[in-house]
Amino acid sequence: MLDSVIRKQFITVVGEKWFKDDPESLVSYSYDATPLYQAMPDGVIFPASTQEVSNIVKICAQHRIPVITRGAGSNLCGGTIPLQGGLVVVMTRMNKLLEIDADNLTASFECGLNTKQFHLAVERTGLFYPPDPSSMIICTMGGNIALGAGGLRGLKYGTTKDYVLGLTAVLPMGAF
């Protein structure tokens, strides 16, 4: 359980609606799609911007709180399970497709963008995005990047890592 002062700091960043530490929320974010694997977080938070993520990470670093980022939680490798407690940072509010640049064959998006929505948007431009994880209808692009999602087309075209040209990283001292 988080100290009330720390709890208030998180609420100041995202608003009361977007910070959860009730028992139901903690249980809901204590597991992903990995069978029989679970650990309770101390809190769950839903940022809406890179600046909010940066502020959250700074608070966690200051108080030595583990940070566990999460997209849709559809992974099968335990990658979003808070093994040492801490704060689960759910990225699904950051779900915008910012740009598809057909001339340069690039796209910019927020990490919580649904993979199927991304595929459909790319296809509307006449282009093709090869990675096709089996959880495409629920998983997020950030989760695909974090966990190296591939899919059946991975052997021919490569996996998500082969298509990442750049990203914004958030460290305890800020975003880069």
N, C-alpha and C. Protein backbone atom coordinates (compact mmCIF):
# COMPACT_ATOMS: atom_id res chain seq x y z
N MET A 1 0.84 -1.18 0.00
CA MET A 1 0.00 0.00 0.00
C MET A 1 0.89 1.25 0.00
N LEU A 2 0.50 2.23 -0.78
CA LEU A 2 1.28 3.45 -0.89
C LEU A 2 0.95 4.42 0.25
N ASP A 3 1.95 5.13 0.70
CA ASP A 3 1.78 6.18 1.70
C ASP A 3 0.81 7.23 1.17
N SER A 4 0.02 7.83 2.04
CA SER A 4 -1.00 8.80 1.60
C SER A 4 -0.39 10.02 0.92
N VAL A 5 0.79 10.42 1.31
CA VAL A 5 1.46 11.57 0.67
C VAL A 5 1.82 11.23 -0.78
N ILE A 6 2.36 10.03 -0.97
CA ILE A 6 2.73 9.59 -2.32
C ILE A 6 1.48 9.42 -3.18
N ARG A 7 0.45 8.86 -2.60
CA ARG A 7 -0.83 8.68 -3.29
C ARG A 7 -1.34 10.02 -3.80
N LYS A 8 -1.29 11.04 -2.95
CA LYS A 8 -1.74 12.39 -3.34
C LYS A 8 -0.88 12.96 -4.47
N GLN A 9 0.41 12.66 -4.46
CA GLN A 9 1.28 13.13 -5.54
C GLN A 9 0.85 12.53 -6.88
N PHE A 10 0.53 11.25 -6.88
CA PHE A 10 0.07 10.61 -8.12
C PHE A 10 -1.26 11.19 -8.58
N ILE A 11 -2.16 11.42 -7.65
CA ILE A 11 -3.47 11.99 -7.99
C ILE A 11 -3.31 13.40 -8.55
N THR A 12 -2.35 14.15 -8.03
CA THR A 12 -2.07 15.49 -8.56
C THR A 12 -1.64 15.42 -10.02
N VAL A 13 -0.92 14.39 -10.39
CA VAL A 13 -0.43 14.25 -11.77
C VAL A 13 -1.57 13.90 -12.72
N VAL A 14 -2.40 12.90 -12.38
CA VAL A 14 -3.38 12.39 -13.35
C VAL A 14 -4.84 12.67 -13.00
N GLY A 15 -5.11 13.12 -11.81
CA GLY A 15 -6.48 13.30 -11.36
C GLY A 15 -6.97 12.05 -10.64
N GLU A 16 -7.93 12.23 -9.76
CA GLU A 16 -8.40 11.13 -8.92
C GLU A 16 -9.00 9.98 -9.73
N LYS A 17 -9.65 10.30 -10.83
CA LYS A 17 -10.28 9.26 -11.66
C LYS A 17 -9.26 8.28 -12.24
N TRP A 18 -8.02 8.71 -12.43
CA TRP A 18 -7.02 7.93 -13.15
C TRP A 18 -5.96 7.31 -12.25
N PHE A 19 -6.16 7.34 -10.95
CA PHE A 19 -5.29 6.62 -10.01
C PHE A 19 -6.16 5.65 -9.23
N LYS A 20 -5.77 4.39 -9.16
CA LYS A 20 -6.56 3.36 -8.48
C LYS A 20 -5.70 2.61 -7.47
N ASP A 21 -6.25 2.40 -6.29
CA ASP A 21 -5.60 1.51 -5.33
C ASP A 21 -6.64 0.74 -4.52
N ASP A 22 -7.86 0.66 -5.05
CA ASP A 22 -8.90 -0.14 -4.41
C ASP A 22 -8.59 -1.62 -4.68
N PRO A 23 -9.06 -2.51 -3.83
CA PRO A 23 -8.74 -3.94 -3.99
C PRO A 23 -9.10 -4.53 -5.36
N GLU A 24 -10.23 -4.13 -5.91
CA GLU A 24 -10.63 -4.66 -7.21
C GLU A 24 -9.64 -4.28 -8.32
N SER A 25 -9.21 -3.03 -8.32
CA SER A 25 -8.25 -2.58 -9.33
C SER A 25 -6.91 -3.26 -9.15
N LEU A 26 -6.46 -3.39 -7.91
CA LEU A 26 -5.18 -4.04 -7.67
C LEU A 26 -5.20 -5.49 -8.15
N VAL A 27 -6.27 -6.20 -7.88
CA VAL A 27 -6.38 -7.58 -8.37
C VAL A 27 -6.43 -7.61 -9.89
N SER A 28 -7.19 -6.69 -10.50
CA SER A 28 -7.33 -6.66 -11.96
C SER A 28 -6.01 -6.45 -12.68
N TYR A 29 -5.09 -5.74 -12.06
CA TYR A 29 -3.79 -5.45 -12.69
C TYR A 29 -2.66 -6.24 -12.05
N SER A 30 -2.99 -7.33 -11.36
CA SER A 30 -1.97 -8.18 -10.74
C SER A 30 -1.54 -9.33 -11.65
N TYR A 31 -2.14 -9.43 -12.83
CA TYR A 31 -1.81 -10.51 -13.75
C TYR A 31 -1.98 -10.03 -15.19
N ASP A 32 -1.42 -10.80 -16.12
CA ASP A 32 -1.66 -10.57 -17.54
C ASP A 32 -2.17 -11.89 -18.12
N ALA A 33 -1.96 -12.15 -19.39
CA ALA A 33 -2.48 -13.37 -20.00
C ALA A 33 -1.63 -14.61 -19.70
N THR A 34 -0.57 -14.45 -18.93
CA THR A 34 0.27 -15.58 -18.54
C THR A 34 -0.50 -16.46 -17.56
N PRO A 35 -0.67 -17.73 -17.85
CA PRO A 35 -1.45 -18.59 -16.95
C PRO A 35 -0.80 -18.74 -15.57
N LEU A 36 -1.61 -18.67 -14.53
CA LEU A 36 -1.22 -19.00 -13.16
C LEU A 36 -0.05 -18.18 -12.62
N TYR A 37 0.03 -16.92 -12.99
CA TYR A 37 1.13 -16.08 -12.56
C TYR A 37 0.55 -14.74 -12.14
N GLN A 38 0.79 -14.33 -10.88
CA GLN A 38 0.13 -13.14 -10.37
C GLN A 38 0.94 -12.55 -9.22
N ALA A 39 0.94 -11.21 -9.10
CA ALA A 39 1.53 -10.50 -7.96
C ALA A 39 0.81 -9.16 -7.84
N MET A 40 0.54 -8.75 -6.62
CA MET A 40 -0.25 -7.54 -6.38
C MET A 40 0.58 -6.26 -6.50
N PRO A 41 0.07 -5.28 -7.24
CA PRO A 41 0.72 -3.96 -7.26
C PRO A 41 0.29 -3.15 -6.03
N ASP A 42 0.95 -2.02 -5.83
CA ASP A 42 0.57 -1.10 -4.76
C ASP A 42 -0.40 -0.04 -5.26
N GLY A 43 -0.41 0.16 -6.57
CA GLY A 43 -1.30 1.14 -7.19
C GLY A 43 -1.30 0.96 -8.69
N VAL A 44 -2.29 1.55 -9.33
CA VAL A 44 -2.45 1.51 -10.78
C VAL A 44 -2.73 2.94 -11.23
N ILE A 45 -2.05 3.37 -12.30
CA ILE A 45 -2.21 4.75 -12.76
C ILE A 45 -2.31 4.77 -14.28
N PHE A 46 -3.09 5.72 -14.80
CA PHE A 46 -3.40 5.80 -16.22
C PHE A 46 -3.01 7.18 -16.76
N PRO A 47 -1.76 7.38 -17.17
CA PRO A 47 -1.37 8.70 -17.70
C PRO A 47 -1.95 8.96 -19.08
N ALA A 48 -2.06 10.25 -19.43
CA ALA A 48 -2.60 10.65 -20.73
C ALA A 48 -1.57 11.35 -21.61
N SER A 49 -0.34 11.53 -21.11
CA SER A 49 0.68 12.23 -21.89
C SER A 49 2.07 11.81 -21.45
N THR A 50 3.04 12.08 -22.29
CA THR A 50 4.43 11.81 -21.95
C THR A 50 4.83 12.61 -20.72
N GLN A 51 4.34 13.83 -20.59
CA GLN A 51 4.68 14.65 -19.42
C GLN A 51 4.15 14.00 -18.14
N GLU A 52 2.94 13.46 -18.19
CA GLU A 52 2.41 12.77 -17.02
C GLU A 52 3.25 11.54 -16.68
N VAL A 53 3.65 10.78 -17.70
CA VAL A 53 4.51 9.62 -17.46
C VAL A 53 5.81 10.07 -16.81
N SER A 54 6.39 11.14 -17.31
CA SER A 54 7.63 11.66 -16.75
C SER A 54 7.46 12.04 -15.28
N ASN A 55 6.36 12.73 -14.96
CA ASN A 55 6.11 13.12 -13.57
C ASN A 55 5.92 11.89 -12.68
N ILE A 56 5.22 10.88 -13.18
CA ILE A 56 5.00 9.64 -12.43
C ILE A 56 6.33 8.95 -12.16
N VAL A 57 7.16 8.83 -13.18
CA VAL A 57 8.46 8.15 -13.03
C VAL A 57 9.35 8.90 -12.04
N LYS A 58 9.31 10.22 -12.07
CA LYS A 58 10.10 11.01 -11.10
C LYS A 58 9.66 10.72 -9.67
N ILE A 59 8.35 10.66 -9.43
CA ILE A 59 7.84 10.35 -8.09
C ILE A 59 8.27 8.95 -7.68
N CYS A 60 8.14 8.00 -8.58
CA CYS A 60 8.54 6.62 -8.28
C CYS A 60 10.03 6.53 -7.97
N ALA A 61 10.85 7.22 -8.74
CA ALA A 61 12.29 7.21 -8.49
C ALA A 61 12.62 7.82 -7.13
N GLN A 62 11.97 8.92 -6.81
CA GLN A 62 12.21 9.60 -5.54
C GLN A 62 11.88 8.70 -4.35
N HIS A 63 10.83 7.89 -4.48
CA HIS A 63 10.38 7.05 -3.37
C HIS A 63 10.74 5.57 -3.55
N ARG A 64 11.56 5.28 -4.57
CA ARG A 64 12.03 3.92 -4.84
C ARG A 64 10.87 2.93 -5.02
N ILE A 65 9.91 3.34 -5.82
CA ILE A 65 8.75 2.51 -6.12
C ILE A 65 8.97 1.86 -7.49
N PRO A 66 8.88 0.54 -7.57
CA PRO A 66 9.02 -0.11 -8.88
C PRO A 66 7.94 0.36 -9.86
N VAL A 67 8.32 0.50 -11.11
CA VAL A 67 7.41 0.92 -12.19
C VAL A 67 7.23 -0.25 -13.14
N ILE A 68 5.98 -0.61 -13.39
CA ILE A 68 5.66 -1.68 -14.32
C ILE A 68 4.74 -1.08 -15.38
N THR A 69 5.23 -0.94 -16.60
CA THR A 69 4.39 -0.39 -17.66
C THR A 69 3.54 -1.50 -18.25
N ARG A 70 2.38 -1.09 -18.76
CA ARG A 70 1.43 -2.07 -19.26
C ARG A 70 0.60 -1.46 -20.39
N GLY A 71 0.40 -2.26 -21.42
CA GLY A 71 -0.53 -1.89 -22.47
C GLY A 71 -1.85 -2.58 -22.16
N ALA A 72 -2.23 -3.55 -22.99
CA ALA A 72 -3.47 -4.26 -22.78
C ALA A 72 -3.31 -5.48 -21.88
N GLY A 73 -2.07 -5.87 -21.58
CA GLY A 73 -1.85 -7.02 -20.72
C GLY A 73 -2.13 -8.35 -21.40
N SER A 74 -2.03 -8.39 -22.73
CA SER A 74 -2.34 -9.61 -23.47
C SER A 74 -1.12 -10.52 -23.63
N ASN A 75 0.04 -10.10 -23.14
CA ASN A 75 1.26 -10.87 -23.33
C ASN A 75 1.24 -12.18 -22.55
N LEU A 76 2.01 -13.14 -23.02
CA LEU A 76 2.07 -14.46 -22.42
C LEU A 76 3.42 -14.74 -21.77
N CYS A 77 4.14 -13.69 -21.41
CA CYS A 77 5.48 -13.88 -20.84
C CYS A 77 5.61 -13.28 -19.44
N GLY A 78 4.53 -12.83 -18.85
CA GLY A 78 4.59 -12.25 -17.51
C GLY A 78 5.21 -10.87 -17.47
N GLY A 79 5.30 -10.23 -18.61
CA GLY A 79 6.00 -8.95 -18.71
C GLY A 79 5.34 -7.78 -17.99
N THR A 80 4.08 -7.91 -17.61
CA THR A 80 3.40 -6.80 -16.94
C THR A 80 2.96 -7.15 -15.53
N ILE A 81 3.52 -8.20 -14.98
CA ILE A 81 3.16 -8.62 -13.63
C ILE A 81 4.08 -7.91 -12.63
N PRO A 82 3.51 -7.23 -11.63
CA PRO A 82 4.31 -6.47 -10.66
C PRO A 82 4.92 -7.37 -9.58
N LEU A 83 5.98 -8.08 -9.94
CA LEU A 83 6.56 -9.09 -9.06
C LEU A 83 7.02 -8.55 -7.71
N GLN A 84 7.42 -7.28 -7.66
CA GLN A 84 7.89 -6.67 -6.42
C GLN A 84 6.94 -5.58 -5.95
N GLY A 85 5.67 -5.69 -6.31
CA GLY A 85 4.73 -4.62 -5.99
C GLY A 85 5.02 -3.44 -6.88
N GLY A 86 4.75 -2.26 -6.39
CA GLY A 86 5.03 -1.07 -7.17
C GLY A 86 3.80 -0.52 -7.87
N LEU A 87 4.06 0.30 -8.86
CA LEU A 87 3.00 1.01 -9.56
C LEU A 87 2.87 0.49 -10.98
N VAL A 88 1.68 0.00 -11.34
CA VAL A 88 1.41 -0.40 -12.72
C VAL A 88 0.96 0.85 -13.47
N VAL A 89 1.70 1.19 -14.51
CA VAL A 89 1.41 2.37 -15.33
C VAL A 89 0.76 1.87 -16.62
N VAL A 90 -0.54 2.07 -16.71
CA VAL A 90 -1.32 1.56 -17.85
C VAL A 90 -1.36 2.63 -18.93
N MET A 91 -0.85 2.30 -20.10
CA MET A 91 -0.64 3.29 -21.16
C MET A 91 -1.79 3.43 -22.15
N THR A 92 -2.92 2.81 -21.88
CA THR A 92 -4.00 2.78 -22.87
C THR A 92 -4.69 4.11 -23.13
N ARG A 93 -4.52 5.10 -22.27
CA ARG A 93 -5.09 6.42 -22.56
C ARG A 93 -4.26 7.16 -23.61
N MET A 94 -3.02 6.76 -23.78
CA MET A 94 -2.15 7.39 -24.77
C MET A 94 -2.28 6.58 -26.07
N ASN A 95 -3.39 6.78 -26.78
CA ASN A 95 -3.77 5.87 -27.86
C ASN A 95 -3.96 6.54 -29.22
N LYS A 96 -3.27 7.63 -29.45
CA LYS A 96 -3.49 8.37 -30.71
C LYS A 96 -2.50 7.95 -31.80
N LEU A 97 -3.03 7.86 -33.01
CA LEU A 97 -2.20 7.75 -34.20
C LEU A 97 -1.89 9.18 -34.61
N LEU A 98 -0.64 9.58 -34.55
CA LEU A 98 -0.27 10.97 -34.79
C LEU A 98 -0.07 11.28 -36.27
N GLU A 99 0.53 10.32 -36.99
CA GLU A 99 0.81 10.58 -38.41
C GLU A 99 1.18 9.30 -39.13
N ILE A 100 0.72 9.20 -40.36
CA ILE A 100 1.25 8.20 -41.29
C ILE A 100 1.85 9.00 -42.44
N ASP A 101 3.15 8.88 -42.60
CA ASP A 101 3.87 9.59 -43.65
C ASP A 101 4.15 8.59 -44.78
N ALA A 102 3.25 8.55 -45.75
CA ALA A 102 3.35 7.57 -46.83
C ALA A 102 4.60 7.79 -47.68
N ASP A 103 5.02 9.03 -47.83
CA ASP A 103 6.21 9.32 -48.65
C ASP A 103 7.46 8.71 -48.04
N ASN A 104 7.57 8.75 -46.73
CA ASN A 104 8.76 8.23 -46.05
C ASN A 104 8.53 6.85 -45.42
N LEU A 105 7.35 6.29 -45.62
CA LEU A 105 7.00 4.97 -45.09
C LEU A 105 7.20 4.88 -43.58
N THR A 106 6.74 5.92 -42.88
CA THR A 106 6.85 5.94 -41.42
C THR A 106 5.50 6.30 -40.80
N ALA A 107 5.38 6.00 -39.53
CA ALA A 107 4.19 6.38 -38.78
C ALA A 107 4.65 6.81 -37.39
N SER A 108 3.91 7.73 -36.81
CA SER A 108 4.14 8.16 -35.43
C SER A 108 2.85 7.95 -34.65
N PHE A 109 2.98 7.43 -33.45
CA PHE A 109 1.80 7.11 -32.65
C PHE A 109 2.17 7.09 -31.17
N GLU A 110 1.16 7.15 -30.34
CA GLU A 110 1.36 6.99 -28.90
C GLU A 110 1.36 5.50 -28.58
N CYS A 111 2.00 5.15 -27.49
CA CYS A 111 2.24 3.73 -27.18
C CYS A 111 0.98 2.92 -26.90
N GLY A 112 -0.10 3.55 -26.52
CA GLY A 112 -1.33 2.81 -26.21
C GLY A 112 -2.23 2.58 -27.39
N LEU A 113 -1.77 2.92 -28.59
CA LEU A 113 -2.58 2.71 -29.80
C LEU A 113 -2.83 1.22 -30.02
N ASN A 114 -4.07 0.86 -30.25
CA ASN A 114 -4.44 -0.53 -30.52
C ASN A 114 -3.82 -0.98 -31.83
N THR A 115 -3.26 -2.18 -31.84
CA THR A 115 -2.55 -2.69 -33.01
C THR A 115 -3.47 -2.87 -34.21
N LYS A 116 -4.66 -3.39 -34.01
CA LYS A 116 -5.60 -3.58 -35.12
C LYS A 116 -6.00 -2.23 -35.72
N GLN A 117 -6.24 -1.23 -34.88
CA GLN A 117 -6.56 0.10 -35.39
C GLN A 117 -5.41 0.65 -36.23
N PHE A 118 -4.17 0.40 -35.78
CA PHE A 118 -3.01 0.84 -36.54
C PHE A 118 -2.97 0.14 -37.90
N HIS A 119 -3.14 -1.18 -37.91
CA HIS A 119 -3.15 -1.93 -39.17
C HIS A 119 -4.19 -1.36 -40.14
N LEU A 120 -5.38 -1.13 -39.65
CA LEU A 120 -6.45 -0.62 -40.52
C LEU A 120 -6.12 0.76 -41.07
N ALA A 121 -5.55 1.62 -40.24
CA ALA A 121 -5.19 2.97 -40.70
C ALA A 121 -4.09 2.90 -41.76
N VAL A 122 -3.11 2.05 -41.56
CA VAL A 122 -2.03 1.89 -42.53
C VAL A 122 -2.59 1.35 -43.85
N GLU A 123 -3.47 0.36 -43.76
CA GLU A 123 -4.05 -0.22 -44.97
C GLU A 123 -4.89 0.78 -45.75
N ARG A 124 -5.55 1.72 -45.06
CA ARG A 124 -6.34 2.75 -45.76
C ARG A 124 -5.46 3.64 -46.63
N THR A 125 -4.17 3.72 -46.32
CA THR A 125 -3.26 4.53 -47.14
C THR A 125 -2.68 3.72 -48.29
N GLY A 126 -3.00 2.41 -48.35
CA GLY A 126 -2.45 1.55 -49.38
C GLY A 126 -1.14 0.90 -48.99
N LEU A 127 -0.73 1.08 -47.74
CA LEU A 127 0.52 0.48 -47.26
C LEU A 127 0.24 -0.78 -46.45
N PHE A 128 1.30 -1.43 -46.00
CA PHE A 128 1.22 -2.71 -45.30
C PHE A 128 2.17 -2.69 -44.12
N TYR A 129 1.67 -3.00 -42.92
CA TYR A 129 2.51 -3.14 -41.73
C TYR A 129 2.55 -4.63 -41.38
N PRO A 130 3.69 -5.29 -41.56
CA PRO A 130 3.76 -6.75 -41.45
C PRO A 130 3.51 -7.37 -40.07
N PRO A 131 4.09 -6.89 -38.97
CA PRO A 131 3.89 -7.62 -37.71
C PRO A 131 2.40 -7.84 -37.41
N ASP A 132 2.06 -9.07 -37.07
CA ASP A 132 0.65 -9.43 -36.88
C ASP A 132 0.49 -10.34 -35.64
N PRO A 133 0.72 -9.80 -34.45
CA PRO A 133 0.57 -10.65 -33.26
C PRO A 133 -0.84 -11.22 -33.17
N SER A 134 -0.95 -12.41 -32.62
CA SER A 134 -2.26 -13.07 -32.56
C SER A 134 -3.26 -12.31 -31.69
N SER A 135 -2.76 -11.48 -30.79
CA SER A 135 -3.65 -10.67 -29.93
C SER A 135 -3.92 -9.29 -30.53
N MET A 136 -3.77 -9.16 -31.84
CA MET A 136 -3.85 -7.86 -32.53
C MET A 136 -5.11 -7.07 -32.18
N ILE A 137 -6.24 -7.71 -31.99
CA ILE A 137 -7.47 -6.96 -31.74
C ILE A 137 -7.48 -6.31 -30.36
N ILE A 138 -6.60 -6.72 -29.46
CA ILE A 138 -6.58 -6.14 -28.13
C ILE A 138 -5.25 -5.49 -27.77
N CYS A 139 -4.13 -5.98 -28.30
CA CYS A 139 -2.81 -5.49 -27.86
C CYS A 139 -2.51 -4.08 -28.36
N THR A 140 -1.49 -3.48 -27.77
CA THR A 140 -1.10 -2.10 -28.11
C THR A 140 0.25 -2.08 -28.81
N MET A 141 0.48 -1.04 -29.57
CA MET A 141 1.75 -0.91 -30.28
C MET A 141 2.92 -0.78 -29.31
N GLY A 142 2.74 -0.06 -28.21
CA GLY A 142 3.81 0.04 -27.22
C GLY A 142 4.13 -1.30 -26.59
N GLY A 143 3.09 -2.09 -26.31
CA GLY A 143 3.31 -3.44 -25.78
C GLY A 143 4.04 -4.31 -26.79
N ASN A 144 3.70 -4.16 -28.08
CA ASN A 144 4.40 -4.91 -29.13
C ASN A 144 5.88 -4.57 -29.14
N ILE A 145 6.19 -3.28 -29.01
CA ILE A 145 7.59 -2.84 -29.00
C ILE A 145 8.30 -3.36 -27.76
N ALA A 146 7.67 -3.21 -26.61
CA ALA A 146 8.30 -3.60 -25.34
C ALA A 146 8.59 -5.10 -25.27
N LEU A 147 7.71 -5.90 -25.85
CA LEU A 147 7.85 -7.35 -25.70
C LEU A 147 8.20 -8.07 -27.00
N GLY A 148 8.53 -7.30 -28.03
CA GLY A 148 9.01 -7.90 -29.27
C GLY A 148 7.99 -8.76 -30.00
N ALA A 149 6.75 -8.30 -30.07
CA ALA A 149 5.69 -9.07 -30.72
C ALA A 149 6.00 -9.32 -32.19
N GLY A 150 5.51 -10.44 -32.68
CA GLY A 150 5.76 -10.79 -34.07
C GLY A 150 4.52 -11.22 -34.79
N GLY A 151 4.20 -12.48 -34.71
CA GLY A 151 3.08 -13.04 -35.43
C GLY A 151 3.54 -13.97 -36.52
N LEU A 152 2.58 -14.51 -37.25
CA LEU A 152 2.90 -15.51 -38.27
C LEU A 152 3.75 -14.97 -39.41
N ARG A 153 3.63 -13.68 -39.70
CA ARG A 153 4.42 -13.11 -40.80
C ARG A 153 5.85 -12.77 -40.38
N GLY A 154 6.18 -13.01 -39.11
CA GLY A 154 7.50 -12.66 -38.59
C GLY A 154 8.66 -13.31 -39.31
N LEU A 155 8.51 -14.56 -39.73
CA LEU A 155 9.60 -15.25 -40.43
C LEU A 155 9.94 -14.58 -41.76
N LYS A 156 8.92 -14.13 -42.45
CA LYS A 156 9.15 -13.52 -43.76
C LYS A 156 9.54 -12.05 -43.66
N TYR A 157 8.86 -11.30 -42.78
CA TYR A 157 9.02 -9.85 -42.77
C TYR A 157 9.73 -9.29 -41.54
N GLY A 158 9.93 -10.10 -40.54
CA GLY A 158 10.52 -9.60 -39.29
C GLY A 158 9.45 -9.29 -38.26
N THR A 159 9.89 -8.97 -37.06
CA THR A 159 8.98 -8.67 -35.96
C THR A 159 8.99 -7.17 -35.68
N THR A 160 8.26 -6.77 -34.66
CA THR A 160 8.10 -5.35 -34.35
C THR A 160 9.43 -4.61 -34.28
N LYS A 161 10.43 -5.21 -33.65
CA LYS A 161 11.73 -4.54 -33.48
C LYS A 161 12.36 -4.11 -34.81
N ASP A 162 12.03 -4.81 -35.85
CA ASP A 162 12.59 -4.49 -37.17
C ASP A 162 11.96 -3.26 -37.82
N TYR A 163 10.91 -2.71 -37.19
CA TYR A 163 10.19 -1.58 -37.77
C TYR A 163 10.24 -0.32 -36.91
N VAL A 164 10.97 -0.37 -35.82
CA VAL A 164 11.07 0.79 -34.94
C VAL A 164 12.28 1.63 -35.35
N LEU A 165 12.02 2.89 -35.72
CA LEU A 165 13.09 3.80 -36.12
C LEU A 165 13.46 4.77 -35.00
N GLY A 166 12.55 5.00 -34.08
CA GLY A 166 12.81 5.93 -32.99
C GLY A 166 11.66 5.88 -31.99
N LEU A 167 11.94 6.33 -30.80
CA LEU A 167 10.91 6.39 -29.77
C LEU A 167 11.29 7.42 -28.71
N THR A 168 10.31 7.80 -27.92
CA THR A 168 10.55 8.69 -26.79
C THR A 168 10.68 7.83 -25.56
N ALA A 169 11.75 8.01 -24.82
CA ALA A 169 11.97 7.26 -23.58
C ALA A 169 11.81 8.18 -22.40
N VAL A 170 11.24 7.67 -21.33
CA VAL A 170 11.11 8.43 -20.10
C VAL A 170 12.02 7.80 -19.05
N LEU A 171 12.93 8.59 -18.53
CA LEU A 171 13.85 8.18 -17.48
C LEU A 171 13.54 9.01 -16.23
N PRO A 172 14.07 8.66 -15.07
CA PRO A 172 13.77 9.42 -13.86
C PRO A 172 14.05 10.92 -13.95
N MET A 173 14.95 11.31 -14.85
CA MET A 173 15.24 12.74 -14.96
C MET A 173 14.45 13.44 -16.04
N GLY A 174 13.56 12.72 -16.73
CA GLY A 174 12.72 13.34 -17.74
C GLY A 174 12.60 12.51 -19.00
N ALA A 175 11.93 13.06 -20.01
CA ALA A 175 11.70 12.36 -21.28
C ALA A 175 12.77 12.73 -22.28
N PHE A 176 13.14 11.75 -23.12
CA PHE A 176 14.13 11.96 -24.17
C PHE A 176 13.63 11.44 -25.49
